[in-house]
Amino acid sequence: MATEKIANYTEAQTAELVQAYTATPTDETVKSFAEKFGKTTRSIVAKLAKEKVYVSKAKEAGKRDMLKSEMIAKIAGLVNRSEEQLESLEKATGVALKAVIEALEARDAEIKSLTEEVTA
């Protein structure tokens, strides 16, 4: 028993969607076509991905320069403590750990600068 495949998008809809999105690859384009076709934005994105024209958003916010364990090791080195003594820092956010590292590095740079002035 052969089953017939039901198309979610007509060829004309697909062509119109691809042409419009290629010209203006924005969330607004996706939203407008979702409303126009009576589909969800997720469905529109999936169709664009299937047609190999979807441009995903950059994921800058989630990227870290280093892992939490590396940040804790760096902080431990800056405050002359063992990583075991600072293991509870693992519960801190990456943003908070980064702020601590920056503050400690700034402090070390200031101390180094003052030391050089005194010895000069």
C-alpha atoms as a PDB file:
ATOM      1  CA  MET A   1       0.000   0.000   0.000  1.00  0.00           C
ATOM      2  CA  ALA A   2       1.706   3.194  -1.178  1.00  0.00           C
ATOM      3  CA  THR A   3       1.134   6.348   0.812  1.00  0.00           C
ATOM      4  CA  GLU A   4       1.046   9.727  -0.779  1.00  0.00           C
ATOM      5  CA  LYS A   5       3.256  12.434   0.691  1.00  0.00           C
ATOM      6  CA  ILE A   6       1.407  15.587   1.680  1.00  0.00           C
ATOM      7  CA  ALA A   7       3.396  18.754   1.049  1.00  0.00           C
ATOM      8  CA  ASN A   8       3.374  21.360   3.779  1.00  0.00           C
ATOM      9  CA  TYR A   9       4.542  24.064   1.385  1.00  0.00           C
ATOM     10  CA  THR A  10       3.712  24.453  -2.264  1.00  0.00           C
ATOM     11  CA  GLU A  11       6.492  24.996  -4.755  1.00  0.00           C
ATOM     12  CA  ALA A  12       5.304  28.584  -5.181  1.00  0.00           C
ATOM     13  CA  GLN A  13       5.385  29.198  -1.407  1.00  0.00           C
ATOM     14  CA  THR A  14       8.847  27.686  -1.152  1.00  0.00           C
ATOM     15  CA  ALA A  15      10.161  29.785  -4.030  1.00  0.00           C
ATOM     16  CA  GLU A  16       8.630  32.968  -2.574  1.00  0.00           C
ATOM     17  CA  LEU A  17       9.988  32.207   0.903  1.00  0.00           C
ATOM     18  CA  VAL A  18      13.506  31.397  -0.307  1.00  0.00           C
ATOM     19  CA  GLN A  19      13.635  34.475  -2.561  1.00  0.00           C
ATOM     20  CA  ALA A  20      12.439  36.822   0.198  1.00  0.00           C
ATOM     21  CA  TYR A  21      14.675  35.333   2.895  1.00  0.00           C
ATOM     22  CA  THR A  22      17.726  35.342   0.643  1.00  0.00           C
ATOM     23  CA  ALA A  23      17.167  39.048  -0.015  1.00  0.00           C
ATOM     24  CA  THR A  24      16.508  39.889   3.661  1.00  0.00           C
ATOM     25  CA  PRO A  25      17.658  37.167   6.092  1.00  0.00           C
ATOM     26  CA  THR A  26      16.041  38.518   9.277  1.00  0.00           C
ATOM     27  CA  ASP A  27      13.728  37.326  12.027  1.00  0.00           C
ATOM     28  CA  GLU A  28      11.117  39.755  10.727  1.00  0.00           C
ATOM     29  CA  THR A  29      11.102  38.001   7.353  1.00  0.00           C
ATOM     30  CA  VAL A  30      10.577  34.655   9.096  1.00  0.00           C
ATOM     31  CA  LYS A  31       7.772  36.061  11.271  1.00  0.00           C
ATOM     32  CA  SER A  32       5.978  37.690   8.342  1.00  0.00           C
ATOM     33  CA  PHE A  33       5.980  34.451   6.337  1.00  0.00           C
ATOM     34  CA  ALA A  34       4.838  32.464   9.374  1.00  0.00           C
ATOM     35  CA  GLU A  35       1.794  34.724   9.598  1.00  0.00           C
ATOM     36  CA  LYS A  36       1.250  34.751   5.836  1.00  0.00           C
ATOM     37  CA  PHE A  37       1.370  30.950   5.493  1.00  0.00           C
ATOM     38  CA  GLY A  38      -0.323  30.191   8.825  1.00  0.00           C
ATOM     39  CA  LYS A  39       2.754  28.315  10.071  1.00  0.00           C
ATOM     40  CA  THR A  40       4.972  28.601  13.125  1.00  0.00           C
ATOM     41  CA  THR A  41       8.280  30.435  12.925  1.00  0.00           C
ATOM     42  CA  ARG A  42       9.950  27.130  13.770  1.00  0.00           C
ATOM     43  CA  SER A  43       8.331  25.544  10.698  1.00  0.00           C
ATOM     44  CA  ILE A  44       9.525  28.418   8.493  1.00  0.00           C
ATOM     45  CA  VAL A  45      13.063  28.124   9.877  1.00  0.00           C
ATOM     46  CA  ALA A  46      13.021  24.356   9.299  1.00  0.00           C
ATOM     47  CA  LYS A  47      11.906  24.884   5.686  1.00  0.00           C
ATOM     48  CA  LEU A  48      14.629  27.487   5.108  1.00  0.00           C
ATOM     49  CA  ALA A  49      17.201  25.124   6.622  1.00  0.00           C
ATOM     50  CA  LYS A  50      15.990  22.304   4.391  1.00  0.00           C
ATOM     51  CA  GLU A  51      16.383  24.621   1.393  1.00  0.00           C
ATOM     52  CA  LYS A  52      19.925  25.395   2.667  1.00  0.00           C
ATOM     53  CA  VAL A  53      19.406  29.168   2.870  1.00  0.00           C
ATOM     54  CA  TYR A  54      18.813  29.665   6.614  1.00  0.00           C
ATOM     55  CA  VAL A  55      21.461  31.751   8.380  1.00  0.00           C
ATOM     56  CA  SER A  56      21.649  30.903  12.072  1.00  0.00           C
ATOM     57  CA  LYS A  57      22.307  33.569  14.654  1.00  0.00           C
ATOM     58  CA  ALA A  58      25.790  33.979  16.062  1.00  0.00           C
ATOM     59  CA  LYS A  59      26.137  32.579  19.559  1.00  0.00           C
ATOM     60  CA  GLU A  60      28.393  35.136  21.136  1.00  0.00           C
ATOM     61  CA  ALA A  61      26.729  35.343  24.536  1.00  0.00           C
ATOM     62  CA  GLY A  62      27.357  31.728  25.418  1.00  0.00           C
ATOM     63  CA  LYS A  63      30.994  31.585  24.438  1.00  0.00           C
ATOM     64  CA  ARG A  64      33.672  31.636  27.085  1.00  0.00           C
ATOM     65  CA  ASP A  65      37.368  32.185  26.686  1.00  0.00           C
ATOM     66  CA  MET A  66      38.063  29.410  29.164  1.00  0.00           C
ATOM     67  CA  LEU A  67      36.306  26.756  31.215  1.00  0.00           C
ATOM     68  CA  LYS A  68      35.255  27.377  34.811  1.00  0.00           C
ATOM     69  CA  SER A  69      37.920  24.969  36.023  1.00  0.00           C
ATOM     70  CA  GLU A  70      40.545  26.988  34.138  1.00  0.00           C
ATOM     71  CA  MET A  71      39.206  30.234  35.608  1.00  0.00           C
ATOM     72  CA  ILE A  72      39.355  28.799  39.128  1.00  0.00           C
ATOM     73  CA  ALA A  73      42.923  27.611  38.539  1.00  0.00           C
ATOM     74  CA  LYS A  74      43.862  31.104  37.348  1.00  0.00           C
ATOM     75  CA  ILE A  75      42.222  32.745  40.380  1.00  0.00           C
ATOM     76  CA  ALA A  76      43.991  30.265  42.679  1.00  0.00           C
ATOM     77  CA  GLY A  77      47.303  31.261  41.135  1.00  0.00           C
ATOM     78  CA  LEU A  78      46.550  34.968  41.473  1.00  0.00           C
ATOM     79  CA  VAL A  79      45.683  34.681  45.189  1.00  0.00           C
ATOM     80  CA  ASN A  80      48.338  32.043  46.018  1.00  0.00           C
ATOM     81  CA  ARG A  81      45.838  29.386  47.097  1.00  0.00           C
ATOM     82  CA  SER A  82      45.265  25.809  46.035  1.00  0.00           C
ATOM     83  CA  GLU A  83      42.390  25.003  43.706  1.00  0.00           C
ATOM     84  CA  GLU A  84      40.963  22.749  46.422  1.00  0.00           C
ATOM     85  CA  GLN A  85      40.670  25.742  48.760  1.00  0.00           C
ATOM     86  CA  LEU A  86      38.630  27.554  46.110  1.00  0.00           C
ATOM     87  CA  GLU A  87      36.542  24.636  44.836  1.00  0.00           C
ATOM     88  CA  SER A  88      33.283  26.283  45.935  1.00  0.00           C
ATOM     89  CA  LEU A  89      33.907  28.895  43.228  1.00  0.00           C
ATOM     90  CA  GLU A  90      32.751  26.214  40.785  1.00  0.00           C
ATOM     91  CA  LYS A  91      29.194  27.271  41.694  1.00  0.00           C
ATOM     92  CA  ALA A  92      29.808  30.858  40.544  1.00  0.00           C
ATOM     93  CA  THR A  93      28.801  32.000  37.078  1.00  0.00           C
ATOM     94  CA  GLY A  94      31.380  32.331  34.334  1.00  0.00           C
ATOM     95  CA  VAL A  95      30.718  36.079  34.173  1.00  0.00           C
ATOM     96  CA  ALA A  96      31.420  36.456  37.903  1.00  0.00           C
ATOM     97  CA  LEU A  97      34.617  34.422  37.683  1.00  0.00           C
ATOM     98  CA  LYS A  98      35.773  36.495  34.708  1.00  0.00           C
ATOM     99  CA  ALA A  99      35.132  39.705  36.706  1.00  0.00           C
ATOM    100  CA  VAL A 100      37.207  38.379  39.620  1.00  0.00           C
ATOM    101  CA  ILE A 101      40.061  37.456  37.287  1.00  0.00           C
ATOM    102  CA  GLU A 102      40.014  40.902  35.666  1.00  0.00           C
ATOM    103  CA  ALA A 103      40.036  42.631  39.070  1.00  0.00           C
ATOM    104  CA  LEU A 104      42.905  40.480  40.344  1.00  0.00           C
ATOM    105  CA  GLU A 105      44.920  41.006  37.165  1.00  0.00           C
ATOM    106  CA  ALA A 106      44.363  44.775  37.409  1.00  0.00           C
ATOM    107  CA  ARG A 107      45.522  44.665  41.035  1.00  0.00           C
ATOM    108  CA  ASP A 108      48.641  42.716  40.076  1.00  0.00           C
ATOM    109  CA  ALA A 109      49.420  45.161  37.259  1.00  0.00           C
ATOM    110  CA  GLU A 110      49.065  48.087  39.668  1.00  0.00           C
ATOM    111  CA  ILE A 111      51.331  46.429  42.243  1.00  0.00           C
ATOM    112  CA  LYS A 112      53.916  45.656  39.562  1.00  0.00           C
ATOM    113  CA  SER A 113      53.794  49.276  38.356  1.00  0.00           C
ATOM    114  CA  LEU A 114      54.250  50.624  41.892  1.00  0.00           C
ATOM    115  CA  THR A 115      57.104  48.205  42.556  1.00  0.00           C
ATOM    116  CA  GLU A 116      58.882  49.329  39.391  1.00  0.00           C
ATOM    117  CA  GLU A 117      58.507  52.993  40.433  1.00  0.00           C
ATOM    118  CA  VAL A 118      59.986  52.284  43.858  1.00  0.00           C
ATOM    119  CA  THR A 119      62.926  50.304  42.500  1.00  0.00           C
ATOM    120  CA  ALA A 120      63.685  52.831  39.752  1.00  0.00           C
END
